[in-house]
């Protein structure tokens, strides 16, 4: 009989632990939704034309994003990618892969749920056709962005794992800098 009581107490504490974990997850989700509505604050202005990046290059295997002006490397950042970034190029919506190929920054979102975001023009016509032939949606909304609003304190840890859904994640301070250096229309090379 004492064993039954002991098992029951472990079961009860296990269920209590699951309840606490569930409450934390629901709380974090709610916090994230509220912070997403509040936005990131005001974005910084673009730097003068002669200081702006003319090209962005992503080296996926190195988890490094580079901003270039001509032959000069302006900045380099450690990044987080999609959780299946090493699986190759993005093939379809939901595959958690970061695209590969040549794109452009085609619009900017100062009020995104992550701290600022620059949209990458994925899918290209070739990406869309490949997905169509496979009978799957290509996906979209691939961005360079900061941490989810309200989670900036995770900056020192963000690069330890690939946490985006296929985007390129940087710290909020880095995103402020990228936003100011990268105008709409900037070419983006996403490589393996």
N, C-alpha and C. Protein backbone atom coordinates (compact mmCIF):
# COMPACT_ATOMS: atom_id res chain seq x y z
N UNK A 1 0.81 -1.20 0.00
CA UNK A 1 0.00 0.00 0.00
C UNK A 1 0.85 1.26 0.00
N UNK A 2 1.92 1.34 0.77
CA UNK A 2 2.74 2.55 0.73
C UNK A 2 3.26 2.85 -0.67
N UNK A 3 3.58 1.81 -1.47
CA UNK A 3 4.06 2.06 -2.83
C UNK A 3 3.00 2.76 -3.66
N UNK A 4 1.77 2.36 -3.53
CA UNK A 4 0.69 2.98 -4.27
C UNK A 4 0.59 4.47 -3.90
N UNK A 5 0.70 4.75 -2.62
CA UNK A 5 0.62 6.14 -2.16
C UNK A 5 1.81 6.93 -2.73
N UNK A 6 3.00 6.31 -2.74
CA UNK A 6 4.18 6.96 -3.26
C UNK A 6 4.02 7.25 -4.75
N UNK A 7 3.55 6.25 -5.50
CA UNK A 7 3.32 6.46 -6.93
C UNK A 7 2.29 7.57 -7.16
N UNK A 8 1.27 7.55 -6.38
CA UNK A 8 0.24 8.58 -6.52
C UNK A 8 0.79 9.97 -6.26
N UNK A 9 1.66 10.09 -5.26
CA UNK A 9 2.22 11.41 -4.97
C UNK A 9 3.15 11.86 -6.10
N UNK A 10 3.91 10.93 -6.71
CA UNK A 10 4.75 11.29 -7.85
C UNK A 10 3.88 11.67 -9.04
N UNK A 11 2.81 10.94 -9.24
CA UNK A 11 1.90 11.25 -10.33
C UNK A 11 1.29 12.63 -10.13
N UNK A 12 0.88 12.91 -8.90
CA UNK A 12 0.30 14.21 -8.60
C UNK A 12 1.29 15.34 -8.82
N UNK A 13 2.55 15.16 -8.41
CA UNK A 13 3.55 16.21 -8.61
C UNK A 13 3.91 16.33 -10.08
N UNK A 14 3.87 15.20 -10.81
CA UNK A 14 4.11 15.24 -12.26
C UNK A 14 3.04 16.02 -12.98
N UNK A 15 1.78 15.79 -12.59
CA UNK A 15 0.67 16.52 -13.20
C UNK A 15 0.73 18.00 -12.84
N UNK A 16 1.13 18.27 -11.60
CA UNK A 16 1.28 19.66 -11.17
C UNK A 16 2.37 20.35 -12.00
N UNK A 17 3.46 19.66 -12.23
CA UNK A 17 4.55 20.19 -13.06
C UNK A 17 4.10 20.46 -14.48
N UNK A 18 3.30 19.56 -15.04
CA UNK A 18 2.75 19.78 -16.39
C UNK A 18 1.83 20.99 -16.42
N UNK A 19 1.06 21.15 -15.36
CA UNK A 19 0.16 22.31 -15.27
C UNK A 19 0.94 23.61 -15.22
N UNK A 20 2.02 23.63 -14.46
CA UNK A 20 2.87 24.83 -14.39
C UNK A 20 3.50 25.11 -15.74
N UNK A 21 4.01 24.06 -16.40
CA UNK A 21 4.62 24.23 -17.72
C UNK A 21 3.59 24.76 -18.72
N UNK A 22 2.39 24.21 -18.69
CA UNK A 22 1.34 24.67 -19.60
C UNK A 22 0.99 26.13 -19.33
N UNK A 23 0.92 26.50 -18.05
CA UNK A 23 0.62 27.90 -17.69
C UNK A 23 1.72 28.83 -18.18
N UNK A 24 2.96 28.40 -18.07
CA UNK A 24 4.08 29.22 -18.56
C UNK A 24 4.02 29.40 -20.07
N UNK A 25 3.71 28.33 -20.78
CA UNK A 25 3.61 28.41 -22.25
C UNK A 25 2.48 29.33 -22.66
N UNK A 26 1.32 29.17 -22.05
CA UNK A 26 0.17 30.04 -22.36
C UNK A 26 0.50 31.49 -22.01
N UNK A 27 1.15 31.71 -20.88
CA UNK A 27 1.54 33.06 -20.48
C UNK A 27 2.53 33.68 -21.47
N UNK A 28 3.53 32.91 -21.89
CA UNK A 28 4.51 33.41 -22.87
C UNK A 28 3.84 33.72 -24.19
N UNK A 29 2.92 32.87 -24.62
CA UNK A 29 2.18 33.11 -25.86
C UNK A 29 1.37 34.40 -25.75
N UNK A 30 0.66 34.57 -24.65
CA UNK A 30 -0.13 35.78 -24.43
C UNK A 30 0.74 37.02 -24.39
N UNK A 31 1.87 36.94 -23.69
CA UNK A 31 2.81 38.05 -23.61
C UNK A 31 3.31 38.43 -25.00
N UNK A 32 3.67 37.42 -25.80
CA UNK A 32 4.16 37.66 -27.16
C UNK A 32 3.08 38.34 -28.01
N UNK A 33 1.84 37.90 -27.89
CA UNK A 33 0.75 38.51 -28.67
C UNK A 33 0.52 39.96 -28.28
N UNK A 34 0.57 40.24 -27.00
CA UNK A 34 0.40 41.63 -26.54
C UNK A 34 1.55 42.49 -27.04
N UNK A 35 2.77 42.01 -26.89
CA UNK A 35 3.94 42.78 -27.32
C UNK A 35 3.94 42.97 -28.84
N UNK A 36 3.47 41.99 -29.60
CA UNK A 36 3.39 42.13 -31.06
C UNK A 36 2.48 43.29 -31.44
N UNK A 37 1.40 43.48 -30.70
CA UNK A 37 0.48 44.59 -30.98
C UNK A 37 1.11 45.95 -30.64
N UNK A 38 1.99 45.96 -29.68
CA UNK A 38 2.63 47.22 -29.28
C UNK A 38 3.69 47.67 -30.27
N UNK A 39 4.26 46.72 -31.03
CA UNK A 39 5.26 47.07 -32.03
C UNK A 39 6.64 47.29 -31.43
N UNK A 40 7.53 47.79 -32.26
CA UNK A 40 8.93 47.91 -31.90
C UNK A 40 9.37 49.33 -31.57
N UNK A 41 8.47 50.28 -31.59
CA UNK A 41 8.89 51.66 -31.43
C UNK A 41 9.24 52.26 -32.78
N UNK A 42 9.82 53.41 -32.76
CA UNK A 42 10.16 54.10 -34.01
C UNK A 42 11.46 53.55 -34.59
N UNK A 43 11.46 53.25 -35.89
CA UNK A 43 12.70 52.77 -36.51
C UNK A 43 13.68 53.93 -36.72
N UNK A 44 14.96 53.63 -36.82
CA UNK A 44 15.93 54.68 -37.06
C UNK A 44 15.86 55.15 -38.52
N UNK A 45 16.31 56.36 -38.79
CA UNK A 45 16.34 56.83 -40.18
C UNK A 45 17.46 56.13 -40.95
N UNK A 46 17.35 56.15 -42.27
CA UNK A 46 18.43 55.63 -43.11
C UNK A 46 19.64 56.55 -43.00
N UNK A 47 20.82 55.95 -43.05
CA UNK A 47 22.06 56.74 -43.06
C UNK A 47 22.17 57.43 -44.42
N UNK A 48 23.08 58.39 -44.58
CA UNK A 48 23.26 59.03 -45.89
C UNK A 48 23.59 58.00 -46.98
N UNK A 49 23.20 58.30 -48.20
CA UNK A 49 23.32 57.38 -49.34
C UNK A 49 24.72 56.79 -49.46
N UNK A 50 25.73 57.60 -49.28
CA UNK A 50 27.12 57.13 -49.47
C UNK A 50 27.57 56.14 -48.39
N UNK A 51 26.78 55.96 -47.34
CA UNK A 51 27.12 55.01 -46.27
C UNK A 51 26.27 53.74 -46.32
N UNK A 52 25.30 53.67 -47.21
CA UNK A 52 24.36 52.55 -47.24
C UNK A 52 24.95 51.31 -47.91
N UNK A 53 24.43 50.18 -47.48
CA UNK A 53 24.82 48.91 -48.10
C UNK A 53 24.24 48.84 -49.51
N UNK A 54 25.01 48.23 -50.40
CA UNK A 54 24.56 48.03 -51.78
C UNK A 54 24.21 46.56 -52.05
N UNK A 55 24.57 45.70 -51.10
CA UNK A 55 24.32 44.26 -51.28
C UNK A 55 24.33 43.59 -49.92
N UNK A 56 23.47 42.58 -49.77
CA UNK A 56 23.42 41.74 -48.57
C UNK A 56 23.80 40.33 -48.99
N UNK A 57 24.63 39.69 -48.20
CA UNK A 57 25.02 38.31 -48.49
C UNK A 57 24.83 37.47 -47.23
N UNK A 58 24.14 36.34 -47.37
CA UNK A 58 23.96 35.39 -46.28
C UNK A 58 24.75 34.13 -46.58
N UNK A 59 25.58 33.73 -45.64
CA UNK A 59 26.30 32.45 -45.72
C UNK A 59 25.62 31.53 -44.71
N UNK A 60 24.66 30.74 -45.19
CA UNK A 60 23.85 29.92 -44.30
C UNK A 60 24.68 28.97 -43.44
N UNK A 61 25.63 28.29 -44.06
CA UNK A 61 26.41 27.29 -43.32
C UNK A 61 27.24 27.92 -42.20
N UNK A 62 27.58 29.20 -42.34
CA UNK A 62 28.35 29.92 -41.33
C UNK A 62 27.46 30.73 -40.39
N UNK A 63 26.15 30.77 -40.68
CA UNK A 63 25.20 31.57 -39.89
C UNK A 63 25.71 33.02 -39.81
N UNK A 64 26.05 33.57 -40.98
CA UNK A 64 26.60 34.92 -41.03
C UNK A 64 25.92 35.74 -42.13
N UNK A 65 25.49 36.93 -41.76
CA UNK A 65 24.90 37.90 -42.68
C UNK A 65 25.90 39.04 -42.84
N UNK A 66 26.14 39.42 -44.09
CA UNK A 66 27.10 40.48 -44.38
C UNK A 66 26.43 41.60 -45.17
N UNK A 67 26.82 42.83 -44.87
CA UNK A 67 26.39 44.00 -45.62
C UNK A 67 27.60 44.54 -46.36
N UNK A 68 27.44 44.74 -47.68
CA UNK A 68 28.55 45.17 -48.52
C UNK A 68 28.23 46.48 -49.22
N UNK A 69 29.24 47.30 -49.41
CA UNK A 69 29.18 48.47 -50.28
C UNK A 69 30.36 48.34 -51.22
N UNK A 70 30.08 48.03 -52.49
CA UNK A 70 31.15 47.73 -53.44
C UNK A 70 31.93 46.53 -52.95
N UNK A 71 33.24 46.68 -52.86
CA UNK A 71 34.12 45.60 -52.38
C UNK A 71 34.42 45.71 -50.88
N UNK A 72 33.72 46.60 -50.21
CA UNK A 72 33.97 46.83 -48.79
C UNK A 72 32.90 46.18 -47.93
N UNK A 73 33.35 45.33 -47.00
CA UNK A 73 32.44 44.73 -46.04
C UNK A 73 32.12 45.77 -44.98
N UNK A 74 30.85 46.19 -44.91
CA UNK A 74 30.44 47.19 -43.93
C UNK A 74 30.20 46.58 -42.55
N UNK A 75 29.46 45.48 -42.51
CA UNK A 75 29.09 44.85 -41.24
C UNK A 75 28.94 43.34 -41.46
N UNK A 76 29.12 42.60 -40.38
CA UNK A 76 28.92 41.15 -40.38
C UNK A 76 28.19 40.79 -39.08
N UNK A 77 27.19 39.90 -39.17
CA UNK A 77 26.35 39.56 -38.02
C UNK A 77 26.21 38.04 -37.90
N UNK A 78 26.24 37.54 -36.68
CA UNK A 78 25.87 36.15 -36.40
C UNK A 78 24.35 36.08 -36.43
N UNK A 79 23.81 35.10 -37.10
CA UNK A 79 22.36 35.03 -37.27
C UNK A 79 21.81 33.66 -36.88
N UNK A 80 20.50 33.64 -36.69
CA UNK A 80 19.75 32.40 -36.54
C UNK A 80 18.87 32.27 -37.78
N UNK A 81 18.66 31.05 -38.20
CA UNK A 81 17.88 30.79 -39.42
C UNK A 81 16.69 29.91 -39.09
N UNK A 82 16.08 29.37 -40.15
CA UNK A 82 14.99 28.42 -39.98
C UNK A 82 15.51 27.15 -39.32
N UNK A 83 14.65 26.46 -38.61
CA UNK A 83 15.10 25.29 -37.84
C UNK A 83 15.59 24.13 -38.70
N UNK A 84 15.32 24.16 -40.02
CA UNK A 84 15.87 23.15 -40.94
C UNK A 84 16.74 23.83 -41.99
N UNK A 85 17.48 24.84 -41.58
CA UNK A 85 18.30 25.63 -42.51
C UNK A 85 19.33 24.79 -43.25
N UNK A 86 19.83 23.74 -42.62
CA UNK A 86 20.86 22.92 -43.25
C UNK A 86 20.27 21.88 -44.20
N UNK A 87 18.95 21.84 -44.33
CA UNK A 87 18.28 20.87 -45.20
C UNK A 87 18.29 21.26 -46.67
N UNK A 88 18.87 22.41 -47.02
CA UNK A 88 18.90 22.87 -48.40
C UNK A 88 18.01 24.08 -48.58
N UNK A 89 17.73 24.44 -49.83
CA UNK A 89 16.90 25.63 -50.08
C UNK A 89 15.44 25.41 -49.70
N UNK A 90 14.76 26.50 -49.46
CA UNK A 90 13.33 26.44 -49.14
C UNK A 90 12.59 25.85 -50.32
N UNK A 91 11.73 24.86 -50.07
CA UNK A 91 10.98 24.20 -51.13
C UNK A 91 9.48 24.45 -51.05
N UNK A 92 9.00 24.68 -49.82
CA UNK A 92 7.55 24.83 -49.64
C UNK A 92 7.26 25.53 -48.32
N UNK A 93 6.06 25.99 -48.20
CA UNK A 93 5.61 26.62 -46.96
C UNK A 93 5.70 25.62 -45.81
N UNK A 94 6.22 26.08 -44.68
CA UNK A 94 6.27 25.25 -43.49
C UNK A 94 7.45 24.31 -43.39
N UNK A 95 8.39 24.35 -44.34
CA UNK A 95 9.52 23.42 -44.27
C UNK A 95 10.64 23.90 -43.34
N UNK A 96 10.47 25.09 -42.74
CA UNK A 96 11.41 25.65 -41.77
C UNK A 96 12.81 25.89 -42.37
N UNK A 97 12.87 26.03 -43.70
CA UNK A 97 14.14 26.28 -44.37
C UNK A 97 14.25 27.75 -44.78
N UNK A 98 15.47 28.24 -44.79
CA UNK A 98 15.76 29.58 -45.27
C UNK A 98 16.06 29.46 -46.76
N UNK A 99 15.46 30.32 -47.60
CA UNK A 99 15.69 30.21 -49.05
C UNK A 99 17.15 30.36 -49.45
N UNK A 100 17.44 29.96 -50.68
CA UNK A 100 18.75 30.17 -51.31
C UNK A 100 18.48 30.77 -52.68
N UNK A 101 19.30 31.73 -53.07
CA UNK A 101 19.14 32.36 -54.37
C UNK A 101 19.34 33.86 -54.29
N UNK A 102 18.93 34.53 -55.38
CA UNK A 102 19.08 35.99 -55.48
C UNK A 102 17.71 36.64 -55.37
N UNK A 103 17.62 37.58 -54.45
CA UNK A 103 16.36 38.27 -54.16
C UNK A 103 16.65 39.75 -53.96
N UNK A 104 15.65 40.48 -53.46
CA UNK A 104 15.78 41.90 -53.12
C UNK A 104 15.02 42.17 -51.82
N UNK A 105 15.40 43.24 -51.14
CA UNK A 105 14.57 43.75 -50.06
C UNK A 105 13.45 44.52 -50.75
N UNK A 106 12.22 44.03 -50.66
CA UNK A 106 11.15 44.66 -51.44
C UNK A 106 10.18 45.49 -50.60
N UNK A 107 10.19 45.36 -49.27
CA UNK A 107 9.43 46.26 -48.41
C UNK A 107 9.93 46.14 -46.98
N UNK A 108 9.52 47.12 -46.18
CA UNK A 108 9.98 47.23 -44.79
C UNK A 108 8.77 47.28 -43.88
N UNK A 109 8.88 46.65 -42.70
CA UNK A 109 7.78 46.68 -41.74
C UNK A 109 8.28 47.20 -40.39
N UNK A 110 7.97 48.46 -40.07
CA UNK A 110 8.40 49.01 -38.79
C UNK A 110 7.53 48.54 -37.62
N UNK A 111 6.41 47.88 -37.89
CA UNK A 111 5.46 47.46 -36.86
C UNK A 111 5.26 45.94 -36.87
N UNK A 112 6.30 45.20 -37.14
CA UNK A 112 6.17 43.75 -37.20
C UNK A 112 6.14 43.16 -35.80
N UNK A 113 5.80 41.87 -35.71
CA UNK A 113 5.76 41.23 -34.40
C UNK A 113 7.17 40.93 -33.88
N UNK A 114 8.15 40.98 -34.77
CA UNK A 114 9.55 40.94 -34.36
C UNK A 114 10.08 42.36 -34.48
N UNK A 115 11.18 42.64 -33.82
CA UNK A 115 11.70 44.00 -33.81
C UNK A 115 12.16 44.41 -35.21
N UNK A 116 11.33 45.18 -35.88
CA UNK A 116 11.57 45.65 -37.25
C UNK A 116 11.77 44.46 -38.20
N UNK A 117 11.43 44.63 -39.45
CA UNK A 117 11.68 43.55 -40.40
C UNK A 117 11.82 44.10 -41.82
N UNK A 118 12.72 43.48 -42.55
CA UNK A 118 12.95 43.77 -43.96
C UNK A 118 12.53 42.53 -44.74
N UNK A 119 11.57 42.69 -45.66
CA UNK A 119 11.05 41.55 -46.41
C UNK A 119 11.95 41.22 -47.59
N UNK A 120 12.23 39.93 -47.73
CA UNK A 120 13.01 39.40 -48.86
C UNK A 120 12.03 38.91 -49.91
N UNK A 121 12.29 39.20 -51.17
CA UNK A 121 11.35 38.97 -52.26
C UNK A 121 11.11 37.50 -52.63
N UNK A 122 11.32 36.59 -51.72
CA UNK A 122 10.96 35.18 -51.92
C UNK A 122 9.44 35.06 -51.87
N UNK A 123 8.81 34.24 -52.76
CA UNK A 123 9.40 33.36 -53.75
C UNK A 123 9.65 34.08 -55.08
N UNK A 124 10.72 33.71 -55.74
CA UNK A 124 10.98 34.17 -57.10
C UNK A 124 10.04 33.40 -58.03
N UNK A 125 10.03 33.74 -59.29
CA UNK A 125 9.20 32.99 -60.26
C UNK A 125 9.63 31.53 -60.29
N UNK A 126 10.94 31.28 -60.24
CA UNK A 126 11.45 29.90 -60.26
C UNK A 126 11.02 29.14 -59.01
N UNK A 127 11.08 29.80 -57.84
CA UNK A 127 10.64 29.17 -56.59
C UNK A 127 9.16 28.81 -56.67
N UNK A 128 8.35 29.76 -57.16
CA UNK A 128 6.91 29.53 -57.25
C UNK A 128 6.59 28.40 -58.23
N UNK A 129 7.30 28.34 -59.34
CA UNK A 129 7.07 27.28 -60.33
C UNK A 129 7.48 25.91 -59.77
N UNK A 130 8.60 25.84 -59.09
CA UNK A 130 9.05 24.58 -58.48
C UNK A 130 8.00 24.07 -57.49
N UNK A 131 7.47 24.96 -56.68
CA UNK A 131 6.44 24.58 -55.71
C UNK A 131 5.16 24.16 -56.42
N UNK A 132 4.79 24.88 -57.48
CA UNK A 132 3.57 24.54 -58.23
C UNK A 132 3.68 23.14 -58.81
N UNK A 133 4.82 22.83 -59.40
CA UNK A 133 5.04 21.51 -59.98
C UNK A 133 5.00 20.41 -58.92
N UNK A 134 5.43 20.74 -57.71
CA UNK A 134 5.40 19.77 -56.61
C UNK A 134 4.03 19.71 -55.94
N UNK A 135 3.13 20.64 -56.32
CA UNK A 135 1.79 20.65 -55.74
C UNK A 135 1.74 21.17 -54.31
N UNK A 136 2.67 22.06 -53.97
CA UNK A 136 2.72 22.61 -52.61
C UNK A 136 2.79 24.14 -52.69
N UNK A 137 2.34 24.84 -51.66
CA UNK A 137 2.50 26.30 -51.63
C UNK A 137 3.97 26.64 -51.37
N UNK A 138 4.50 27.69 -52.02
CA UNK A 138 5.91 28.03 -51.86
C UNK A 138 6.26 28.66 -50.52
N UNK A 139 5.27 29.24 -49.85
CA UNK A 139 5.55 29.99 -48.62
C UNK A 139 5.92 31.42 -48.98
N UNK A 140 6.24 32.19 -47.99
CA UNK A 140 6.59 33.59 -48.18
C UNK A 140 6.88 34.22 -46.84
N UNK A 141 6.77 35.51 -46.77
CA UNK A 141 7.04 36.26 -45.54
C UNK A 141 8.42 35.93 -44.97
N UNK A 142 9.40 35.86 -45.84
CA UNK A 142 10.78 35.65 -45.40
C UNK A 142 11.38 37.02 -45.12
N UNK A 143 11.86 37.20 -43.91
CA UNK A 143 12.33 38.51 -43.45
C UNK A 143 13.71 38.42 -42.79
N UNK A 144 14.37 39.56 -42.76
CA UNK A 144 15.47 39.78 -41.83
C UNK A 144 14.82 40.55 -40.69
N UNK A 145 14.92 40.05 -39.47
CA UNK A 145 14.23 40.70 -38.35
C UNK A 145 14.97 40.50 -37.04
N UNK A 146 14.58 41.33 -36.07
CA UNK A 146 15.10 41.21 -34.71
C UNK A 146 14.33 40.15 -33.95
N UNK A 147 14.49 40.15 -32.66
CA UNK A 147 13.80 39.19 -31.79
C UNK A 147 12.32 39.55 -31.68
N UNK A 148 11.47 38.58 -31.35
CA UNK A 148 10.06 38.92 -31.15
C UNK A 148 9.94 40.05 -30.12
N UNK A 149 9.02 40.96 -30.37
CA UNK A 149 8.84 42.10 -29.47
C UNK A 149 8.64 41.63 -28.04
N UNK A 150 9.36 42.24 -27.13
CA UNK A 150 9.29 41.89 -25.72
C UNK A 150 10.30 40.84 -25.30
N UNK A 151 11.00 40.24 -26.26
CA UNK A 151 11.96 39.18 -25.94
C UNK A 151 13.40 39.60 -26.23
N UNK A 152 13.64 40.89 -26.34
CA UNK A 152 14.98 41.39 -26.63
C UNK A 152 16.04 40.97 -25.64
N UNK A 153 15.65 40.68 -24.41
CA UNK A 153 16.60 40.25 -23.39
C UNK A 153 17.27 38.92 -23.74
N UNK A 154 16.74 38.20 -24.73
CA UNK A 154 17.35 36.94 -25.17
C UNK A 154 18.50 37.15 -26.16
N UNK A 155 18.85 38.40 -26.43
CA UNK A 155 19.88 38.72 -27.42
C UNK A 155 21.18 37.91 -27.25
N UNK A 156 21.71 37.77 -26.03
CA UNK A 156 22.96 37.03 -25.90
C UNK A 156 22.84 35.54 -26.26
N UNK A 157 21.62 35.03 -26.30
CA UNK A 157 21.41 33.59 -26.54
C UNK A 157 20.83 33.27 -27.91
N UNK A 158 20.32 34.27 -28.63
CA UNK A 158 19.52 34.01 -29.82
C UNK A 158 20.24 33.19 -30.88
N UNK A 159 21.54 33.32 -30.99
CA UNK A 159 22.28 32.63 -32.05
C UNK A 159 22.67 31.19 -31.67
N UNK A 160 22.28 30.73 -30.51
CA UNK A 160 22.67 29.38 -30.07
C UNK A 160 21.85 28.28 -30.74
N UNK A 161 20.71 28.64 -31.32
CA UNK A 161 19.91 27.66 -32.05
C UNK A 161 19.16 28.38 -33.16
N UNK A 162 18.74 27.64 -34.17
CA UNK A 162 17.95 28.19 -35.27
C UNK A 162 16.49 28.20 -34.84
N UNK A 163 15.93 29.38 -34.65
CA UNK A 163 14.61 29.52 -34.03
C UNK A 163 13.56 30.15 -34.95
N UNK A 164 13.94 30.59 -36.14
CA UNK A 164 12.95 31.24 -37.00
C UNK A 164 12.22 30.18 -37.82
N UNK A 165 11.23 30.62 -38.57
CA UNK A 165 10.48 29.71 -39.46
C UNK A 165 11.05 29.72 -40.87
N UNK A 166 12.25 30.23 -41.03
CA UNK A 166 12.89 30.33 -42.34
C UNK A 166 13.46 31.72 -42.57
N UNK A 167 13.25 32.60 -41.61
CA UNK A 167 13.75 33.97 -41.71
C UNK A 167 15.21 34.03 -41.25
N UNK A 168 15.71 35.26 -41.20
CA UNK A 168 17.07 35.53 -40.73
C UNK A 168 16.93 36.39 -39.48
N UNK A 169 17.26 35.83 -38.33
CA UNK A 169 17.09 36.51 -37.06
C UNK A 169 18.39 37.09 -36.54
N UNK A 170 18.32 38.35 -36.07
CA UNK A 170 19.45 39.05 -35.47
C UNK A 170 18.97 39.67 -34.15
N UNK A 171 19.87 40.28 -33.41
CA UNK A 171 19.46 40.96 -32.18
C UNK A 171 18.73 42.26 -32.56
N UNK A 172 18.03 42.83 -31.61
CA UNK A 172 17.32 44.08 -31.87
C UNK A 172 18.28 45.23 -32.19
N UNK A 173 19.39 45.30 -31.47
CA UNK A 173 20.38 46.35 -31.74
C UNK A 173 20.95 46.19 -33.15
N UNK A 174 21.21 44.95 -33.54
CA UNK A 174 21.71 44.70 -34.90
C UNK A 174 20.66 45.07 -35.94
N UNK A 175 19.39 44.76 -35.64
CA UNK A 175 18.32 45.08 -36.59
C UNK A 175 18.18 46.59 -36.75
N UNK A 176 18.34 47.34 -35.68
CA UNK A 176 18.32 48.81 -35.77
C UNK A 176 19.39 49.27 -36.77
N UNK A 177 20.59 48.71 -36.64
CA UNK A 177 21.70 49.09 -37.51
C UNK A 177 21.42 48.67 -38.96
N UNK A 178 20.96 47.42 -39.15
CA UNK A 178 20.66 46.93 -40.50
C UNK A 178 19.59 47.80 -41.14
N UNK A 179 18.53 48.12 -40.40
CA UNK A 179 17.44 48.95 -40.91
C UNK A 179 17.98 50.27 -41.45
N UNK A 180 18.92 50.87 -40.72
CA UNK A 180 19.44 52.18 -41.10
C UNK A 180 20.40 52.11 -42.28
N UNK A 181 21.01 50.95 -42.51
CA UNK A 181 22.00 50.80 -43.57
C UNK A 181 21.44 50.23 -44.87
N UNK A 182 20.27 49.60 -44.83
CA UNK A 182 19.74 48.85 -45.98
C UNK A 182 18.48 49.50 -46.52
N UNK A 183 18.55 50.12 -47.71
CA UNK A 183 17.35 50.70 -48.30
C UNK A 183 16.52 49.62 -49.01
N UNK A 184 15.25 49.93 -49.23
CA UNK A 184 14.41 49.06 -50.04
C UNK A 184 15.03 48.95 -51.43
N UNK A 185 15.01 47.74 -52.01
CA UNK A 185 15.58 47.49 -53.32
C UNK A 185 16.96 46.88 -53.27
N UNK A 186 17.57 46.78 -52.09
CA UNK A 186 18.92 46.22 -51.95
C UNK A 186 18.92 44.75 -52.38
N UNK A 187 19.86 44.35 -53.27
CA UNK A 187 19.96 42.93 -53.64
C UNK A 187 20.39 42.06 -52.45
N UNK A 188 19.85 40.84 -52.42
CA UNK A 188 20.14 39.88 -51.34
C UNK A 188 20.58 38.57 -51.96
N UNK A 189 21.75 38.08 -51.58
CA UNK A 189 22.24 36.78 -52.04
C UNK A 189 22.19 35.82 -50.86
N UNK A 190 21.33 34.82 -50.95
CA UNK A 190 21.21 33.82 -49.89
C UNK A 190 21.88 32.53 -50.36
N UNK A 191 23.00 32.17 -49.73
CA UNK A 191 23.75 31.00 -50.17
C UNK A 191 23.81 29.93 -49.12
N UNK A 192 24.19 28.73 -49.56
CA UNK A 192 24.25 27.57 -48.69
C UNK A 192 25.42 27.54 -47.78
